[in-house]
Structure formats: structure tokens, C-alpha cells
C-alpha atoms as a PDB file:
ATOM      1  CA  MET A   1      72.392 105.705  89.357  1.00  0.00           C
ATOM      2  CA  PRO A   2      75.915 105.508  87.922  1.00  0.00           C
ATOM      3  CA  ARG A   3      78.703 104.942  90.388  1.00  0.00           C
ATOM      4  CA  THR A   4      81.293 107.729  90.416  1.00  0.00           C
ATOM      5  CA  LEU A   5      84.467 108.249  92.400  1.00  0.00           C
ATOM      6  CA  THR A   6      86.683 111.279  92.785  1.00  0.00           C
ATOM      7  CA  VAL A   7      90.301 110.909  91.718  1.00  0.00           C
ATOM      8  CA  VAL A   8      93.221 113.139  92.643  1.00  0.00           C
ATOM      9  CA  LEU A   9      95.855 113.037  89.918  1.00  0.00           C
ATOM     10  CA  HIS A  10      99.324 114.067  91.012  1.00  0.00           C
ATOM     11  CA  LEU A  11     101.707 115.273  88.338  1.00  0.00           C
ATOM     12  CA  PRO A  12     105.328 116.311  88.743  1.00  0.00           C
ATOM     13  CA  GLY A  13     105.671 119.946  89.727  1.00  0.00           C
ATOM     14  CA  PRO A  14     108.582 122.331  89.207  1.00  0.00           C
ATOM     15  CA  ALA A  15     110.544 120.828  92.125  1.00  0.00           C
ATOM     16  CA  TRP A  16     110.281 117.237  90.770  1.00  0.00           C
ATOM     17  CA  LYS A  17     113.671 115.779  89.804  1.00  0.00           C
ATOM     18  CA  PRO A  18     113.397 113.914  86.473  1.00  0.00           C
ATOM     19  CA  GLY A  19     114.979 110.468  86.536  1.00  0.00           C
ATOM     20  CA  VAL A  20     114.609 110.155  90.322  1.00  0.00           C
ATOM     21  CA  PRO A  21     112.118 107.472  91.436  1.00  0.00           C
ATOM     22  CA  ALA A  22     108.971 108.695  93.201  1.00  0.00           C
ATOM     23  CA  PHE A  23     109.939 107.429  96.644  1.00  0.00           C
ATOM     24  CA  ALA A  24     113.411 108.995  96.330  1.00  0.00           C
ATOM     25  CA  GLN A  25     112.027 112.484  95.650  1.00  0.00           C
ATOM     26  CA  ALA A  26     112.899 114.945  98.420  1.00  0.00           C
ATOM     27  CA  GLY A  27     109.964 115.367 100.812  1.00  0.00           C
ATOM     28  CA  ILE A  28     107.739 112.648  99.329  1.00  0.00           C
ATOM     29  CA  GLU A  29     107.365 111.037 102.761  1.00  0.00           C
ATOM     30  CA  ARG A  30     105.366 114.122 103.868  1.00  0.00           C
ATOM     31  CA  HIS A  31     102.977 113.525 100.958  1.00  0.00           C
ATOM     32  CA  VAL A  32     102.530 109.883 101.994  1.00  0.00           C
ATOM     33  CA  GLU A  33     101.871 110.852 105.625  1.00  0.00           C
ATOM     34  CA  HIS A  34      99.374 113.479 104.500  1.00  0.00           C
ATOM     35  CA  TYR A  35      97.311 110.915 102.577  1.00  0.00           C
ATOM     36  CA  ARG A  36      97.578 108.281 105.307  1.00  0.00           C
ATOM     37  CA  ARG A  37      95.223 110.538 107.244  1.00  0.00           C
ATOM     38  CA  LEU A  38      92.535 109.945 104.591  1.00  0.00           C
ATOM     39  CA  VAL A  39      93.184 106.200 104.761  1.00  0.00           C
ATOM     40  CA  SER A  40      92.749 106.209 108.554  1.00  0.00           C
ATOM     41  CA  GLU A  41      89.474 108.144 108.168  1.00  0.00           C
ATOM     42  CA  GLY A  42      88.168 105.618 105.615  1.00  0.00           C
ATOM     43  CA  LYS A  43      88.116 108.259 102.867  1.00  0.00           C
ATOM     44  CA  LEU A  44      90.705 106.776 100.509  1.00  0.00           C
ATOM     45  CA  GLU A  45      90.258 103.557  98.520  1.00  0.00           C
ATOM     46  CA  ALA A  46      93.674 103.361  96.897  1.00  0.00           C
ATOM     47  CA  GLY A  47      96.594 105.452  95.806  1.00  0.00           C
ATOM     48  CA  GLY A  48     100.174 105.348  94.679  1.00  0.00           C
ATOM     49  CA  PRO A  49     102.741 106.459  92.151  1.00  0.00           C
ATOM     50  CA  PHE A  50     102.885 105.791  88.451  1.00  0.00           C
ATOM     51  CA  LEU A  51     105.953 103.699  87.672  1.00  0.00           C
ATOM     52  CA  ASP A  52     106.867 105.154  84.289  1.00  0.00           C
ATOM     53  CA  GLU A  53     109.375 107.929  83.674  1.00  0.00           C
ATOM     54  CA  ALA A  54     106.648 110.597  83.600  1.00  0.00           C
ATOM     55  CA  GLY A  55     106.188 110.263  87.377  1.00  0.00           C
ATOM     56  CA  GLY A  56     103.260 111.416  89.452  1.00  0.00           C
ATOM     57  CA  GLY A  57     100.481 109.208  90.705  1.00  0.00           C
ATOM     58  CA  MET A  58      96.863 109.157  91.790  1.00  0.00           C
ATOM     59  CA  MET A  59      94.561 108.714  94.736  1.00  0.00           C
ATOM     60  CA  ILE A  60      91.040 107.315  94.513  1.00  0.00           C
ATOM     61  CA  ALA A  61      88.708 108.692  97.172  1.00  0.00           C
ATOM     62  CA  SER A  62      86.068 106.509  98.791  1.00  0.00           C
ATOM     63  CA  GLU A  63      82.454 106.858  97.699  1.00  0.00           C
ATOM     64  CA  GLY A  64      80.682 109.761  99.329  1.00  0.00           C
ATOM     65  CA  VAL A  65      83.768 111.874 100.057  1.00  0.00           C
ATOM     66  CA  ASP A  66      82.874 115.530  99.565  1.00  0.00           C
ATOM     67  CA  VAL A  67      84.668 116.920  96.492  1.00  0.00           C
ATOM     68  CA  HIS A  68      85.238 120.322  98.096  1.00  0.00           C
ATOM     69  CA  GLU A  69      86.750 118.676 101.188  1.00  0.00           C
ATOM     70  CA  LEU A  70      89.018 116.612  98.925  1.00  0.00           C
ATOM     71  CA  GLU A  71      90.088 119.720  96.973  1.00  0.00           C
ATOM     72  CA  LEU A  72      91.064 121.502 100.192  1.00  0.00           C
ATOM     73  CA  PHE A  73      92.875 118.426 101.487  1.00  0.00           C
ATOM     74  CA  ALA A  74      94.800 117.923  98.237  1.00  0.00           C
ATOM     75  CA  ALA A  75      95.791 121.595  98.093  1.00  0.00           C
ATOM     76  CA  ALA A  76      97.115 121.371 101.676  1.00  0.00           C
ATOM     77  CA  ASP A  77      99.495 118.522 100.731  1.00  0.00           C
ATOM     78  CA  PRO A  78     103.019 119.665 101.703  1.00  0.00           C
ATOM     79  CA  CYS A  79     104.363 118.401  98.359  1.00  0.00           C
ATOM     80  CA  VAL A  80     101.792 120.446  96.443  1.00  0.00           C
ATOM     81  CA  GLN A  81     102.540 123.535  98.499  1.00  0.00           C
ATOM     82  CA  GLY A  82     106.279 122.986  98.014  1.00  0.00           C
ATOM     83  CA  GLY A  83     106.036 122.495  94.251  1.00  0.00           C
ATOM     84  CA  LEU A  84     107.028 118.825  94.114  1.00  0.00           C
ATOM     85  CA  LEU A  85     103.563 117.849  92.856  1.00  0.00           C
ATOM     86  CA  THR A  86     100.643 119.498  91.116  1.00  0.00           C
ATOM     87  CA  ILE A  87      97.068 118.264  91.369  1.00  0.00           C
ATOM     88  CA  ALA A  88      94.073 117.761  89.144  1.00  0.00           C
ATOM     89  CA  ILE A  89      90.843 116.521  90.694  1.00  0.00           C
ATOM     90  CA  ARG A  90      88.517 114.605  88.406  1.00  0.00           C
ATOM     91  CA  THR A  91      85.218 112.767  88.777  1.00  0.00           C
ATOM     92  CA  TRP A  92      85.438 109.272  87.325  1.00  0.00           C
ATOM     93  CA  LEU A  93      82.514 107.141  86.140  1.00  0.00           C
ATOM     94  CA  VAL A  94      83.134 103.534  87.131  1.00  0.00           C
ATOM     95  CA  GLY A  95      82.380 102.028  83.740  1.00  0.00           C
ATOM     96  CA  MET A  96      83.201  98.474  84.676  1.00  0.00           C
ATOM     97  CA  GLU A  97      84.134  96.639  87.809  1.00  0.00           C
ATOM     98  CA  ARG A  98      84.554  93.115  89.066  1.00  0.00           C
ATOM     99  CA  CYS A  99      81.364  91.510  90.319  1.00  0.00           C
ATOM    100  CA  LYS A 100      81.721  90.305  93.864  1.00  0.00           C
ATOM    101  CA  THR A 101      79.753  87.121  93.104  1.00  0.00           C
ATOM    102  CA  ASN A 102      81.618  85.694  90.124  1.00  0.00           C
ATOM    103  CA  GLU A 103      84.823  87.778  89.796  1.00  0.00           C
ATOM    104  CA  SER A 104      84.016  88.755  86.192  1.00  0.00           C
ATOM    105  CA  ALA A 105      83.887  92.271  84.791  1.00  0.00           C
ATOM    106  CA  THR A 106      80.493  93.933  84.474  1.00  0.00           C
ATOM    107  CA  PRO A 107      80.558  96.466  81.635  1.00  0.00           C
ATOM    108  CA  ARG A 108      78.228  99.429  81.993  1.00  0.00           C
ATOM    109  CA  PRO A 109      76.678 101.263  79.066  1.00  0.00           C
ATOM    110  CA  ALA A 110      77.458 104.976  78.589  1.00  0.00           C
ATOM    111  CA  GLY A 111      74.491 106.005  80.791  1.00  0.00           C
ATOM    112  CA  GLY A 112      75.900 104.010  83.687  1.00  0.00           C
ATOM    113  CA  GLU A 113      72.933 101.669  84.154  1.00  0.00           C
ATOM    114  CA  LEU A 114      73.501  97.916  84.039  1.00  0.00           C
ATOM    115  CA  ALA A 115      71.928  96.172  81.067  1.00  0.00           C
END
């Protein structure tokens, strides 16, 4: 069975200040604290801001996290509610990943099964 993960994409909302770095945006610390809860519950693999001028960022949920639960959690983010960020939740097929045995990439065909 193909491995999939759920990703929360954060894009700048109407309150985002262009030219201001992500961690200098007003209220961003509330966003970070909100997602630290998922980290402490073991439901978040990784997350962080994009470093280009477009801004925003993404969070990658752990395997098995309920998509509906993640949608509700993301919508409750104080920075989403306050207009600093918008969200898009997407399911991502892990098409290649590092093998734990030899540290090389293992490409997966379109169907997701290893060759």
C-alpha cells in the first residue's frame, strides 16, 4: 500500500505583512505554540516556514493522523482565525524516501508499490 501523509500548507493571509520575515510577523508565536501541541502528542513529523519572499510554510502530520481532526485543528489556529495565515490541507504520496538501511533514495513507481 502506498505511504501517504497529510500536509497543512500555510499561505500568507490578508494580515500578513509583505517583506517581514515569518518569525517577525505579529502573533506568529501563537501559531507556533498551537502546533507544538501536535508535536507533544506525536502527531506532527515536521513543520516550518518557507524562507523565500512568498512566505507561508507547511506542517507534515504523522502517519495515521485523522484528516478531519487535522482540518479542525488547523482551522482553530489563532493565526488562521486572525487572518495572518490561510490553510490548504493536502494528502501527499511519499514517492521516494531515504532507506533506513543504506541511506539511499528509494523511488516508487506511480502506483506506490516498490519495484
